[in-house]
N, C-alpha and C. Protein backbone atom coordinates (compact mmCIF):
# COMPACT_ATOMS: atom_id res chain seq x y z
N MET A 1 -12.53 30.77 -10.31
CA MET A 1 -12.28 32.21 -10.90
C MET A 1 -12.31 33.60 -10.06
N LEU A 2 -11.31 34.40 -10.08
CA LEU A 2 -11.47 35.10 -9.41
C LEU A 2 -12.25 36.25 -9.41
N ALA A 3 -12.89 36.75 -8.04
CA ALA A 3 -13.90 37.61 -8.37
C ALA A 3 -14.24 38.76 -8.40
N ASP A 4 -13.14 39.34 -8.57
CA ASP A 4 -12.86 41.14 -8.99
C ASP A 4 -12.51 40.89 -10.22
N TYR A 5 -12.00 40.52 -10.49
CA TYR A 5 -12.43 40.01 -12.30
C TYR A 5 -13.80 39.32 -13.12
N LYS A 6 -13.83 38.70 -12.71
CA LYS A 6 -15.20 38.21 -12.83
C LYS A 6 -16.47 39.11 -13.06
N ARG A 7 -16.52 39.78 -11.66
CA ARG A 7 -17.27 40.84 -11.61
C ARG A 7 -17.09 42.16 -12.55
N LYS A 8 -15.82 42.48 -13.19
CA LYS A 8 -15.77 43.29 -14.25
C LYS A 8 -15.87 42.86 -15.61
N SER A 9 -15.39 41.66 -15.87
CA SER A 9 -16.25 40.69 -16.48
C SER A 9 -17.48 40.80 -17.39
N ASN A 10 -18.28 40.93 -16.11
CA ASN A 10 -19.93 41.20 -16.39
C ASN A 10 -19.93 42.81 -16.28
N ILE A 11 -19.66 43.36 -16.12
CA ILE A 11 -19.92 44.70 -16.44
C ILE A 11 -19.42 45.23 -18.18
N GLY A 12 -18.86 44.59 -18.16
CA GLY A 12 -18.36 44.86 -19.45
C GLY A 12 -19.31 44.04 -20.57
N ALA A 13 -19.79 43.08 -20.07
CA ALA A 13 -20.46 42.07 -21.12
C ALA A 13 -21.71 42.76 -20.91
N GLY A 14 -22.38 43.41 -19.63
CA GLY A 14 -23.74 44.58 -19.81
C GLY A 14 -23.55 45.61 -20.71
N VAL A 15 -22.15 46.12 -20.44
CA VAL A 15 -22.13 47.59 -21.27
C VAL A 15 -22.29 46.93 -22.91
N PHE A 16 -21.50 45.76 -22.94
CA PHE A 16 -21.51 45.49 -24.67
C PHE A 16 -22.85 45.46 -24.76
N LEU A 17 -23.74 44.38 -24.44
CA LEU A 17 -25.06 44.25 -24.47
C LEU A 17 -26.13 45.38 -24.13
N LEU A 18 -25.88 46.33 -23.98
CA LEU A 18 -26.54 47.55 -23.51
C LEU A 18 -26.17 48.50 -25.45
N SER A 19 -25.17 48.78 -25.44
CA SER A 19 -24.59 48.87 -26.85
C SER A 19 -25.33 48.43 -28.11
N LEU A 20 -24.85 46.81 -28.12
CA LEU A 20 -25.52 46.00 -28.91
C LEU A 20 -27.13 46.59 -29.19
N ILE A 21 -28.08 46.48 -28.28
CA ILE A 21 -29.58 47.18 -28.13
C ILE A 21 -29.65 48.44 -28.71
N GLY A 22 -28.76 49.43 -28.35
CA GLY A 22 -29.04 50.71 -28.99
C GLY A 22 -28.11 50.50 -30.81
N ALA A 23 -27.71 49.77 -30.80
CA ALA A 23 -27.46 49.73 -32.30
C ALA A 23 -28.50 49.61 -32.99
N VAL A 24 -29.24 48.15 -32.82
CA VAL A 24 -30.23 47.19 -33.22
C VAL A 24 -31.23 48.21 -33.17
N ALA A 25 -31.38 49.05 -32.36
CA ALA A 25 -33.05 49.85 -32.00
C ALA A 25 -32.53 50.81 -33.53
N TRP A 26 -31.23 51.75 -33.18
CA TRP A 26 -31.03 52.58 -34.48
C TRP A 26 -31.36 51.95 -35.61
N ILE A 27 -30.51 50.95 -35.96
CA ILE A 27 -30.58 49.84 -37.49
C ILE A 27 -31.95 49.82 -37.97
N SER A 28 -32.93 49.29 -36.86
CA SER A 28 -34.50 49.04 -37.33
C SER A 28 -35.10 50.14 -37.56
N THR A 29 -34.67 51.50 -36.79
CA THR A 29 -35.31 52.49 -37.21
C THR A 29 -35.27 53.69 -38.29
N HIS A 30 -33.48 53.00 -38.97
CA HIS A 30 -33.27 53.50 -40.32
C HIS A 30 -32.52 52.62 -41.18
N PRO A 31 -34.25 52.18 -41.67
CA PRO A 31 -33.84 50.94 -42.81
C PRO A 31 -33.28 51.55 -44.08
N GLY A 32 -31.98 51.02 -44.30
CA GLY A 32 -31.42 51.22 -45.40
C GLY A 32 -29.82 52.07 -45.60
N GLN A 33 -29.94 52.57 -44.13
CA GLN A 33 -28.90 52.93 -43.76
C GLN A 33 -27.55 51.93 -43.09
N ASN A 34 -26.53 52.97 -42.89
CA ASN A 34 -25.17 52.03 -41.99
C ASN A 34 -24.98 53.03 -41.05
N LEU A 35 -25.46 52.43 -39.86
CA LEU A 35 -24.83 52.81 -38.63
C LEU A 35 -23.62 53.95 -38.50
N TYR A 36 -22.19 53.31 -39.52
CA TYR A 36 -21.35 54.04 -38.76
C TYR A 36 -20.85 54.93 -39.90
N VAL A 37 -21.60 54.63 -41.31
CA VAL A 37 -21.44 56.00 -42.03
C VAL A 37 -22.22 57.22 -42.07
N ASP A 38 -23.84 56.90 -41.52
CA ASP A 38 -24.92 57.40 -41.32
C ASP A 38 -25.46 58.30 -40.47
N GLY A 39 -25.09 57.31 -38.94
CA GLY A 39 -25.33 57.77 -37.45
C GLY A 39 -24.43 58.81 -37.18
N GLY A 40 -23.93 59.44 -37.72
CA GLY A 40 -23.22 60.50 -37.03
C GLY A 40 -22.04 60.14 -35.67
N LEU A 41 -22.13 61.15 -35.06
CA LEU A 41 -21.40 60.74 -33.28
C LEU A 41 -21.95 59.63 -32.86
N LEU A 42 -23.46 59.70 -32.95
CA LEU A 42 -24.28 58.32 -32.11
C LEU A 42 -23.68 56.54 -33.07
N GLY A 43 -23.08 56.92 -34.05
CA GLY A 43 -22.29 55.85 -34.91
C GLY A 43 -21.28 55.37 -34.53
N THR A 44 -20.50 56.36 -34.51
CA THR A 44 -19.32 56.08 -33.86
C THR A 44 -19.24 55.63 -32.31
N PHE A 45 -19.73 56.50 -31.95
CA PHE A 45 -19.98 56.52 -30.23
C PHE A 45 -20.76 55.05 -30.07
N LEU A 46 -21.12 54.33 -30.71
CA LEU A 46 -21.79 52.92 -30.44
C LEU A 46 -20.93 51.78 -31.03
N GLY A 47 -20.04 52.32 -31.76
CA GLY A 47 -19.10 51.39 -32.30
C GLY A 47 -17.80 51.47 -31.67
N VAL A 48 -17.20 52.18 -31.22
CA VAL A 48 -16.53 52.34 -30.18
C VAL A 48 -16.78 51.81 -28.84
N THR A 49 -17.75 51.89 -28.24
CA THR A 49 -17.96 51.43 -27.22
C THR A 49 -18.37 49.87 -27.33
N LEU A 50 -19.08 49.53 -28.16
CA LEU A 50 -18.86 48.06 -28.61
C LEU A 50 -17.75 47.34 -28.96
N THR A 51 -16.70 47.92 -29.28
CA THR A 51 -15.26 46.92 -29.82
C THR A 51 -14.85 47.08 -28.01
N VAL A 52 -14.91 48.42 -27.77
CA VAL A 52 -13.97 48.20 -26.22
C VAL A 52 -14.65 47.56 -25.08
N SER A 53 -16.31 47.53 -24.71
CA SER A 53 -16.78 46.67 -23.92
C SER A 53 -16.23 45.18 -24.47
N TRP A 54 -16.38 45.01 -25.70
CA TRP A 54 -16.27 43.40 -25.99
C TRP A 54 -14.98 43.14 -25.63
N PHE A 55 -13.78 43.95 -25.50
CA PHE A 55 -12.56 43.07 -25.70
C PHE A 55 -12.20 43.53 -23.85
N TYR A 56 -12.68 44.29 -23.19
CA TYR A 56 -12.74 44.91 -21.78
C TYR A 56 -13.21 43.24 -21.20
N ALA A 57 -14.19 42.50 -21.37
CA ALA A 57 -15.31 41.71 -20.82
C ALA A 57 -14.44 39.97 -21.55
N VAL A 58 -13.92 40.36 -22.65
CA VAL A 58 -13.25 39.02 -22.95
C VAL A 58 -11.29 39.28 -21.82
N TRP A 59 -11.06 40.25 -22.02
CA TRP A 59 -10.07 40.57 -21.29
C TRP A 59 -10.01 40.20 -19.79
N ALA A 60 -11.09 40.49 -18.84
CA ALA A 60 -11.84 40.64 -17.57
C ALA A 60 -11.69 38.81 -17.26
N TYR A 61 -12.37 38.44 -18.40
CA TYR A 61 -12.86 36.91 -17.98
C TYR A 61 -11.70 36.02 -17.92
N VAL A 62 -10.46 35.98 -19.22
CA VAL A 62 -9.56 35.85 -19.10
C VAL A 62 -8.82 35.76 -17.86
N LYS A 63 -8.66 37.00 -17.40
CA LYS A 63 -8.05 37.26 -15.97
C LYS A 63 -8.54 36.50 -15.21
N ALA A 64 -9.58 36.38 -14.64
CA ALA A 64 -10.94 35.65 -14.03
C ALA A 64 -10.24 34.41 -13.93
N LYS A 65 -9.83 33.75 -14.85
CA LYS A 65 -9.45 32.35 -15.04
C LYS A 65 -8.26 32.48 -14.82
N GLY A 66 -7.24 32.74 -13.86
CA GLY A 66 -5.86 32.77 -13.60
C GLY A 66 -5.09 33.21 -14.90
N ARG A 67 -5.12 33.79 -16.23
CA ARG A 67 -4.44 33.65 -17.63
C ARG A 67 -3.79 34.67 -17.27
N SER A 68 -2.82 35.01 -18.11
CA SER A 68 -2.69 36.14 -18.79
C SER A 68 -3.67 36.46 -19.80
N GLY A 69 -3.27 38.08 -19.67
CA GLY A 69 -4.02 39.04 -20.48
C GLY A 69 -3.97 38.79 -22.06
N TRP A 70 -3.04 37.98 -22.46
CA TRP A 70 -2.88 37.89 -24.05
C TRP A 70 -3.40 36.94 -24.55
N TRP A 71 -4.44 36.24 -23.38
CA TRP A 71 -5.29 35.58 -24.37
C TRP A 71 -6.75 35.95 -24.59
N THR A 72 -6.49 37.36 -24.84
CA THR A 72 -7.79 37.96 -24.86
C THR A 72 -7.85 38.04 -26.43
N LEU A 73 -6.35 37.91 -27.13
CA LEU A 73 -6.42 37.68 -28.43
C LEU A 73 -7.39 36.92 -29.29
N ALA A 74 -7.48 35.86 -28.75
CA ALA A 74 -8.33 34.92 -29.01
C ALA A 74 -9.81 35.28 -29.32
N GLY A 75 -9.98 36.48 -28.75
CA GLY A 75 -11.46 37.02 -28.91
C GLY A 75 -11.57 37.47 -30.14
N PHE A 76 -10.25 37.68 -30.89
CA PHE A 76 -10.33 38.19 -32.63
C PHE A 76 -10.34 37.16 -33.33
N ALA A 77 -10.74 35.79 -32.83
CA ALA A 77 -10.63 34.60 -33.80
C ALA A 77 -12.24 34.17 -33.83
N GLY A 78 -12.82 35.11 -33.49
CA GLY A 78 -14.94 35.03 -33.30
C GLY A 78 -15.50 33.76 -32.73
N PHE A 79 -15.96 33.19 -33.50
CA PHE A 79 -16.65 31.82 -32.62
C PHE A 79 -15.99 31.27 -31.89
N ILE A 80 -14.49 30.82 -32.75
CA ILE A 80 -14.11 29.83 -32.63
C ILE A 80 -13.16 29.98 -30.98
N GLY A 81 -12.64 31.60 -31.39
CA GLY A 81 -12.00 31.72 -30.11
C GLY A 81 -12.53 32.13 -28.69
N LEU A 82 -14.00 32.12 -28.53
CA LEU A 82 -14.66 32.40 -27.71
C LEU A 82 -15.13 30.76 -27.35
N ILE A 83 -15.32 29.74 -27.83
CA ILE A 83 -14.90 28.56 -27.43
C ILE A 83 -13.67 28.16 -26.83
N ILE A 84 -12.89 28.40 -27.39
CA ILE A 84 -11.50 28.06 -27.26
C ILE A 84 -11.14 28.58 -25.66
N LEU A 85 -12.06 30.23 -25.24
CA LEU A 85 -11.55 30.68 -24.04
C LEU A 85 -12.64 29.87 -22.63
N LEU A 86 -13.95 29.77 -23.59
CA LEU A 86 -14.87 29.13 -22.52
C LEU A 86 -14.14 28.02 -21.75
N PHE A 87 -13.45 27.41 -22.71
CA PHE A 87 -12.77 26.02 -22.17
C PHE A 87 -11.45 25.85 -21.48
N LEU A 88 -10.90 27.07 -21.31
CA LEU A 88 -9.83 27.40 -20.72
C LEU A 88 -9.59 26.66 -19.43
N LYS A 89 -9.05 26.37 -18.67
CA LYS A 89 -8.62 25.73 -17.44
C LYS A 89 -8.39 26.91 -16.37
N ASP A 90 -9.54 26.85 -15.47
CA ASP A 90 -9.15 27.48 -14.40
C ASP A 90 -8.49 27.58 -13.51
N LEU A 91 -7.28 28.66 -13.98
CA LEU A 91 -6.19 28.35 -13.10
C LEU A 91 -6.32 29.29 -11.59
N ALA A 92 -6.99 29.66 -11.43
CA ALA A 92 -7.26 30.35 -10.23
C ALA A 92 -8.63 29.52 -9.42
N LYS A 93 -8.01 29.69 -8.05
CA LYS A 93 -9.39 29.26 -7.38
C LYS A 93 -10.37 29.96 -6.65
N ALA A 94 -11.51 29.10 -6.77
CA ALA A 94 -12.76 30.20 -6.26
C ALA A 94 -12.31 31.19 -5.37
N GLY A 95 -12.50 32.01 -5.86
CA GLY A 95 -12.67 33.17 -5.00
C GLY A 95 -11.05 33.30 -4.42
N GLY A 96 -10.06 33.08 -4.65
CA GLY A 96 -8.97 32.79 -4.03
C GLY A 96 -8.04 33.43 -5.00
N SER A 97 -6.69 33.09 -5.05
CA SER A 97 -5.86 33.69 -5.30
C SER A 97 -4.97 32.96 -6.70
N ILE A 98 -4.63 33.21 -7.32
CA ILE A 98 -3.57 32.37 -8.72
C ILE A 98 -2.74 31.83 -8.22
N PRO A 99 -2.49 30.18 -7.90
CA PRO A 99 -1.64 29.61 -7.48
C PRO A 99 -0.33 29.64 -7.89
N ALA A 100 0.79 29.49 -7.02
CA ALA A 100 2.33 30.11 -7.22
C ALA A 100 2.64 28.97 -8.31
N GLY A 101 3.73 30.00 -9.00
CA GLY A 101 4.39 29.30 -10.54
C GLY A 101 3.16 29.42 -11.48
N THR A 102 2.04 29.71 -11.77
CA THR A 102 1.47 29.57 -12.70
C THR A 102 1.27 30.52 -13.45
N GLN A 103 1.26 31.96 -12.39
CA GLN A 103 1.45 33.58 -12.84
C GLN A 103 3.04 33.90 -13.76
N PRO A 104 2.56 34.43 -15.00
CA PRO A 104 3.89 34.73 -15.75
C PRO A 104 4.12 36.18 -14.63
N GLY A 105 5.85 36.13 -15.02
CA GLY A 105 6.82 37.39 -14.46
C GLY A 105 7.73 36.47 -13.42
N PRO A 106 8.75 37.54 -12.88
CA PRO A 106 9.69 37.16 -12.31
C PRO A 106 9.52 36.27 -10.88
N PRO A 107 10.69 35.55 -10.69
CA PRO A 107 10.55 34.33 -9.56
C PRO A 107 10.20 34.95 -8.34
N ALA A 108 9.23 34.74 -7.23
CA ALA A 108 9.66 35.33 -5.94
C ALA A 108 11.03 35.14 -5.24
N ALA A 109 11.47 36.11 -4.37
CA ALA A 109 12.75 35.89 -3.90
C ALA A 109 12.34 35.65 -2.64
């Protein structure tokens, strides 16, 4: 895995977990209310933060494996998509760069 993207993925996952803890705390203290409807600005903030940090973490994880960012779309498939992403072959050498010929784009001159 590429260390820089792995670090970014860990940061995104951390922000996601903190936001999730905040959302659960709000929901548990306001029974019978909807966070996104009754939560006002806090509900909107937590909803956006959860969504953005989730896809940022998945994108960075995919990039850390040396894959195209388009693999992030597998995150929309829920649990099945996560299983697919976890079992993707790591094209990047540990701590190194993506091997030649595996990264999409124009050929080097």
